[in-house]
Amino acid sequence: MFGDLMGMMGKLKETQQKVEETKERLNTVLVDEESSDGLLTITLTANREVKKIVISDQLLQDKEQLEDYLILTLNKAIAKATQVNETELAAVAKEGMPNIPGMDLFK
């Protein structure tokens, strides 16, 4: 029994390390989102850090329109980056979870 427990603890520690490595790698995964008309482009990392914003000169003429574009496009970019982030981290966590009877966390 203690051998199994020690093995599980070791596996959990290994999984924790892999999760941290994945989080670091996600800093290099870029997610682009563009407004429907291409006047605004936003680039985030999969960890949801803004890396680049490209604004068309046309949008610079109207402050309210620019603000609306930023809100809509940032929200879409954040949602896309969150999906990538959660998918990657869930895959690592599922792979490293020990088989504990009755604990089917990831189906």
C-alpha atoms as a PDB file:
ATOM      1  CA  MET A   1       0.000   0.000   0.000  1.00  0.00           C
ATOM      2  CA  PHE A   2       2.738   2.463   0.924  1.00  0.00           C
ATOM      3  CA  GLY A   3       4.564   1.643  -2.294  1.00  0.00           C
ATOM      4  CA  ASP A   4       1.448   2.581  -4.232  1.00  0.00           C
ATOM      5  CA  LEU A   5       1.082   5.772  -2.212  1.00  0.00           C
ATOM      6  CA  MET A   6       4.719   6.730  -2.791  1.00  0.00           C
ATOM      7  CA  GLY A   7       4.329   5.960  -6.485  1.00  0.00           C
ATOM      8  CA  MET A   8       1.229   8.148  -6.696  1.00  0.00           C
ATOM      9  CA  MET A   9       2.984  10.991  -4.869  1.00  0.00           C
ATOM     10  CA  GLY A  10       5.910  10.732  -7.264  1.00  0.00           C
ATOM     11  CA  LYS A  11       3.562  10.767 -10.242  1.00  0.00           C
ATOM     12  CA  LEU A  12       1.730  13.821  -8.883  1.00  0.00           C
ATOM     13  CA  LYS A  13       5.024  15.661  -8.378  1.00  0.00           C
ATOM     14  CA  GLU A  14       6.074  14.773 -11.936  1.00  0.00           C
ATOM     15  CA  THR A  15       2.726  15.992 -13.258  1.00  0.00           C
ATOM     16  CA  GLN A  16       3.072  19.256 -11.343  1.00  0.00           C
ATOM     17  CA  GLN A  17       6.455  19.796 -13.012  1.00  0.00           C
ATOM     18  CA  LYS A  18       4.956  19.075 -16.454  1.00  0.00           C
ATOM     19  CA  VAL A  19       2.126  21.545 -15.783  1.00  0.00           C
ATOM     20  CA  GLU A  20       4.664  24.244 -14.909  1.00  0.00           C
ATOM     21  CA  GLU A  21       6.672  23.459 -18.058  1.00  0.00           C
ATOM     22  CA  THR A  22       3.492  23.651 -20.129  1.00  0.00           C
ATOM     23  CA  LYS A  23       2.611  27.032 -18.612  1.00  0.00           C
ATOM     24  CA  GLU A  24       6.063  28.298 -19.602  1.00  0.00           C
ATOM     25  CA  ARG A  25       5.679  26.913 -23.132  1.00  0.00           C
ATOM     26  CA  LEU A  26       2.295  28.612 -23.467  1.00  0.00           C
ATOM     27  CA  ASN A  27       4.096  31.950 -23.129  1.00  0.00           C
ATOM     28  CA  THR A  28       5.486  31.253 -26.608  1.00  0.00           C
ATOM     29  CA  VAL A  29       2.220  30.101 -28.211  1.00  0.00           C
ATOM     30  CA  LEU A  30       0.681  33.079 -30.011  1.00  0.00           C
ATOM     31  CA  VAL A  31      -3.026  33.539 -30.700  1.00  0.00           C
ATOM     32  CA  ASP A  32      -4.160  36.104 -33.278  1.00  0.00           C
ATOM     33  CA  GLU A  33      -7.618  37.627 -33.480  1.00  0.00           C
ATOM     34  CA  GLU A  34      -8.777  40.078 -36.118  1.00  0.00           C
ATOM     35  CA  SER A  35     -11.880  42.237 -36.313  1.00  0.00           C
ATOM     36  CA  SER A  36     -14.344  41.082 -38.952  1.00  0.00           C
ATOM     37  CA  ASP A  37     -13.259  43.842 -41.347  1.00  0.00           C
ATOM     38  CA  GLY A  38      -9.536  43.502 -40.624  1.00  0.00           C
ATOM     39  CA  LEU A  39      -9.137  46.997 -39.177  1.00  0.00           C
ATOM     40  CA  LEU A  40      -7.823  45.708 -35.835  1.00  0.00           C
ATOM     41  CA  THR A  41      -5.560  42.757 -35.061  1.00  0.00           C
ATOM     42  CA  ILE A  42      -4.594  41.589 -31.588  1.00  0.00           C
ATOM     43  CA  THR A  43      -1.946  39.005 -30.707  1.00  0.00           C
ATOM     44  CA  LEU A  44      -1.905  37.311 -27.278  1.00  0.00           C
ATOM     45  CA  THR A  45       0.069  34.478 -25.779  1.00  0.00           C
ATOM     46  CA  ALA A  46      -1.909  31.383 -24.777  1.00  0.00           C
ATOM     47  CA  ASN A  47      -1.366  32.654 -21.218  1.00  0.00           C
ATOM     48  CA  ARG A  48      -3.450  35.713 -22.190  1.00  0.00           C
ATOM     49  CA  GLU A  49      -0.663  38.303 -22.267  1.00  0.00           C
ATOM     50  CA  VAL A  50      -1.128  40.973 -24.956  1.00  0.00           C
ATOM     51  CA  LYS A  51       1.864  40.991 -27.301  1.00  0.00           C
ATOM     52  CA  LYS A  52       0.753  43.178 -30.188  1.00  0.00           C
ATOM     53  CA  ILE A  53      -2.093  45.425 -31.296  1.00  0.00           C
ATOM     54  CA  VAL A  54      -2.305  46.664 -34.891  1.00  0.00           C
ATOM     55  CA  ILE A  55      -4.834  49.448 -35.520  1.00  0.00           C
ATOM     56  CA  SER A  56      -5.825  50.713 -38.959  1.00  0.00           C
ATOM     57  CA  ASP A  57      -5.501  54.472 -39.470  1.00  0.00           C
ATOM     58  CA  GLN A  58      -9.197  54.462 -40.335  1.00  0.00           C
ATOM     59  CA  LEU A  59     -10.054  53.491 -36.730  1.00  0.00           C
ATOM     60  CA  LEU A  60      -7.952  56.310 -35.317  1.00  0.00           C
ATOM     61  CA  GLN A  61     -10.497  58.819 -36.623  1.00  0.00           C
ATOM     62  CA  ASP A  62     -13.275  57.670 -34.289  1.00  0.00           C
ATOM     63  CA  LYS A  63     -12.461  57.149 -30.603  1.00  0.00           C
ATOM     64  CA  GLU A  64     -15.755  55.404 -29.736  1.00  0.00           C
ATOM     65  CA  GLN A  65     -15.493  53.031 -32.676  1.00  0.00           C
ATOM     66  CA  LEU A  66     -11.897  52.172 -31.717  1.00  0.00           C
ATOM     67  CA  GLU A  67     -12.941  51.477 -28.138  1.00  0.00           C
ATOM     68  CA  ASP A  68     -15.744  49.177 -29.349  1.00  0.00           C
ATOM     69  CA  TYR A  69     -13.353  47.339 -31.673  1.00  0.00           C
ATOM     70  CA  LEU A  70     -10.818  46.899 -28.883  1.00  0.00           C
ATOM     71  CA  ILE A  71     -13.390  45.488 -26.479  1.00  0.00           C
ATOM     72  CA  LEU A  72     -14.895  43.057 -28.999  1.00  0.00           C
ATOM     73  CA  THR A  73     -11.613  41.873 -30.465  1.00  0.00           C
ATOM     74  CA  LEU A  74      -9.816  41.608 -27.112  1.00  0.00           C
ATOM     75  CA  ASN A  75     -12.670  39.543 -25.668  1.00  0.00           C
ATOM     76  CA  LYS A  76     -12.598  37.179 -28.661  1.00  0.00           C
ATOM     77  CA  ALA A  77      -8.803  36.885 -28.439  1.00  0.00           C
ATOM     78  CA  ILE A  78      -8.922  36.201 -24.696  1.00  0.00           C
ATOM     79  CA  ALA A  79     -11.579  33.510 -25.204  1.00  0.00           C
ATOM     80  CA  LYS A  80      -9.487  31.838 -27.911  1.00  0.00           C
ATOM     81  CA  ALA A  81      -6.297  31.997 -25.799  1.00  0.00           C
ATOM     82  CA  THR A  82      -8.171  30.636 -22.768  1.00  0.00           C
ATOM     83  CA  GLN A  83      -9.409  27.679 -24.818  1.00  0.00           C
ATOM     84  CA  VAL A  84      -5.856  26.854 -25.960  1.00  0.00           C
ATOM     85  CA  ASN A  85      -4.533  27.267 -22.406  1.00  0.00           C
ATOM     86  CA  GLU A  86      -7.193  25.076 -20.777  1.00  0.00           C
ATOM     87  CA  THR A  87      -6.932  22.367 -23.432  1.00  0.00           C
ATOM     88  CA  GLU A  88      -3.153  22.124 -23.091  1.00  0.00           C
ATOM     89  CA  LEU A  89      -3.146  22.116 -19.284  1.00  0.00           C
ATOM     90  CA  ALA A  90      -6.007  19.609 -19.074  1.00  0.00           C
ATOM     91  CA  ALA A  91      -4.138  17.231 -21.386  1.00  0.00           C
ATOM     92  CA  VAL A  92      -1.033  17.369 -19.194  1.00  0.00           C
ATOM     93  CA  ALA A  93      -3.043  16.965 -15.991  1.00  0.00           C
ATOM     94  CA  LYS A  94      -5.055  14.030 -17.357  1.00  0.00           C
ATOM     95  CA  GLU A  95      -1.922  12.283 -18.581  1.00  0.00           C
ATOM     96  CA  GLY A  96      -0.274  12.547 -15.174  1.00  0.00           C
ATOM     97  CA  MET A  97      -3.143  11.671 -12.880  1.00  0.00           C
ATOM     98  CA  PRO A  98      -2.671   8.418 -11.006  1.00  0.00           C
ATOM     99  CA  ASN A  99      -5.389   5.818 -11.409  1.00  0.00           C
ATOM    100  CA  ILE A 100      -7.335   6.195  -8.158  1.00  0.00           C
ATOM    101  CA  PRO A 101     -10.456   4.020  -8.050  1.00  0.00           C
ATOM    102  CA  GLY A 102     -13.628   6.079  -7.847  1.00  0.00           C
ATOM    103  CA  MET A 103     -11.904   9.295  -8.919  1.00  0.00           C
ATOM    104  CA  ASP A 104     -12.724   9.593 -12.604  1.00  0.00           C
ATOM    105  CA  LEU A 105     -12.021  13.322 -12.794  1.00  0.00           C
ATOM    106  CA  PHE A 106     -11.426  13.474 -16.533  1.00  0.00           C
ATOM    107  CA  LYS A 107     -13.871  11.577 -18.695  1.00  0.00           C
END
